Amino acid sequence: MRLWGALAAALVLAAEPAGAAKLDLAALKCRDFLGASKENMSVILTWLDAYYLGKDDPPVIDFERMSQNAAKLGQYCAGNGDSGLIAAADKVMAK
């Protein structure tokens, strides 16, 4: 259990933009997401993947699904830079 806690803390700290303690995904625009570091983008995509799971879905990280969703989100965001990230994710990731 300690290992998972340490890993989670490390991921949060690695994903944290300089000087920021929180990242408000509701305020994030597609252009900001596309300009994020690979590490930050990965953490955001992982969070989004979990957010869009159904409440009865098993707690499984499906890397293939995440990759497909990342491609769809990236494609949408590339053409809609001013769109909010959550609105974009609602269009391409929601069940």
Protein backbone atom coordinates (compact mmCIF):
# COMPACT_ATOMS: atom_id res chain seq x y z
CA MET A 1 0.00 0.00 0.00
CA ARG A 2 2.81 2.42 0.80
CA LEU A 3 4.27 1.91 -2.66
CA TRP A 4 0.96 2.91 -4.30
CA GLY A 5 0.69 5.99 -2.10
CA ALA A 6 4.23 7.03 -2.95
CA LEU A 7 3.61 6.40 -6.65
CA ALA A 8 0.41 8.46 -6.60
CA ALA A 9 2.19 11.31 -4.81
CA ALA A 10 5.05 11.19 -7.31
CA LEU A 11 2.63 11.31 -10.24
CA VAL A 12 0.81 14.29 -8.78
CA LEU A 13 4.04 16.15 -8.16
CA ALA A 14 5.42 15.31 -11.60
CA ALA A 15 2.22 16.46 -13.28
CA GLU A 16 1.99 19.71 -11.35
CA PRO A 17 2.75 22.79 -13.46
CA ALA A 18 5.41 25.06 -11.98
CA GLY A 19 3.99 27.08 -9.13
CA ALA A 20 0.56 25.41 -9.25
CA ALA A 21 -0.93 23.18 -6.57
CA LYS A 22 -4.01 22.29 -8.62
CA LEU A 23 -4.98 21.88 -12.22
CA ASP A 24 -8.57 22.88 -12.96
CA LEU A 25 -9.55 20.66 -15.87
CA ALA A 26 -12.84 22.53 -16.22
CA ALA A 27 -10.88 25.68 -17.11
CA LEU A 28 -8.33 23.96 -19.37
CA LYS A 29 -8.65 24.62 -23.11
CA CYS A 30 -7.78 22.13 -25.81
CA ARG A 31 -4.81 24.26 -26.91
CA ASP A 32 -3.45 24.15 -23.33
CA PHE A 33 -3.83 20.38 -23.25
CA LEU A 34 -2.05 19.97 -26.60
CA GLY A 35 0.77 22.21 -25.35
CA ALA A 36 1.23 20.27 -22.11
CA SER A 37 4.28 18.15 -21.42
CA LYS A 38 4.04 14.46 -22.22
CA GLU A 39 3.98 13.67 -18.50
CA ASN A 40 1.16 16.13 -17.76
CA MET A 41 -0.80 14.95 -20.78
CA SER A 42 -0.45 11.36 -19.62
CA VAL A 43 -1.76 12.14 -16.14
CA ILE A 44 -4.68 14.14 -17.57
CA LEU A 45 -5.59 11.33 -19.98
CA THR A 46 -5.45 8.78 -17.18
CA TRP A 47 -7.74 10.93 -15.03
CA LEU A 48 -10.16 11.43 -17.93
CA ASP A 49 -10.21 7.71 -18.68
CA ALA A 50 -11.19 6.95 -15.09
CA TYR A 51 -13.71 9.80 -15.00
CA TYR A 52 -15.58 8.42 -18.01
CA LEU A 53 -15.77 4.84 -16.72
CA GLY A 54 -19.22 3.68 -15.74
CA LYS A 55 -19.85 3.20 -12.04
CA ASP A 56 -20.20 -0.55 -12.58
CA ASP A 57 -17.11 -0.89 -14.79
CA PRO A 58 -14.28 -2.88 -13.24
CA PRO A 59 -11.26 -0.93 -11.93
CA VAL A 60 -9.09 -1.88 -14.90
CA ILE A 61 -6.71 0.36 -16.82
CA ASP A 62 -7.30 -0.47 -20.47
CA PHE A 63 -4.29 0.96 -22.28
CA GLU A 64 -5.76 0.22 -25.71
CA ARG A 65 -8.94 2.17 -24.87
CA MET A 66 -6.85 4.99 -23.39
CA SER A 67 -4.77 5.15 -26.55
CA GLN A 68 -7.86 5.25 -28.75
CA ASN A 69 -9.47 7.94 -26.60
CA ALA A 70 -6.24 9.96 -26.57
CA ALA A 71 -6.11 9.86 -30.37
CA LYS A 72 -9.76 10.96 -30.66
CA LEU A 73 -9.29 13.72 -28.11
CA GLY A 74 -6.08 14.92 -29.75
CA GLN A 75 -7.73 15.00 -33.16
CA TYR A 76 -10.73 16.91 -31.83
CA CYS A 77 -8.58 19.37 -29.89
CA ALA A 78 -6.30 19.98 -32.88
CA GLY A 79 -9.28 21.40 -34.76
CA ASN A 80 -10.94 23.08 -31.77
CA GLY A 81 -8.21 24.76 -29.73
CA ASP A 82 -10.58 27.16 -27.96
CA SER A 83 -12.88 24.36 -26.82
CA GLY A 84 -12.81 23.44 -23.14
CA LEU A 85 -11.05 20.14 -22.54
CA ILE A 86 -13.95 18.64 -20.58
CA ALA A 87 -16.43 19.64 -23.32
CA ALA A 88 -14.12 18.02 -25.87
CA ALA A 89 -13.78 14.89 -23.78
CA ASP A 90 -17.57 14.75 -23.39
CA LYS A 91 -17.84 14.61 -27.17
CA VAL A 92 -15.26 11.88 -27.79
CA MET A 93 -14.91 9.89 -24.55
CA ALA A 94 -18.36 9.77 -22.95
CA LYS A 95 -20.23 6.50 -23.32
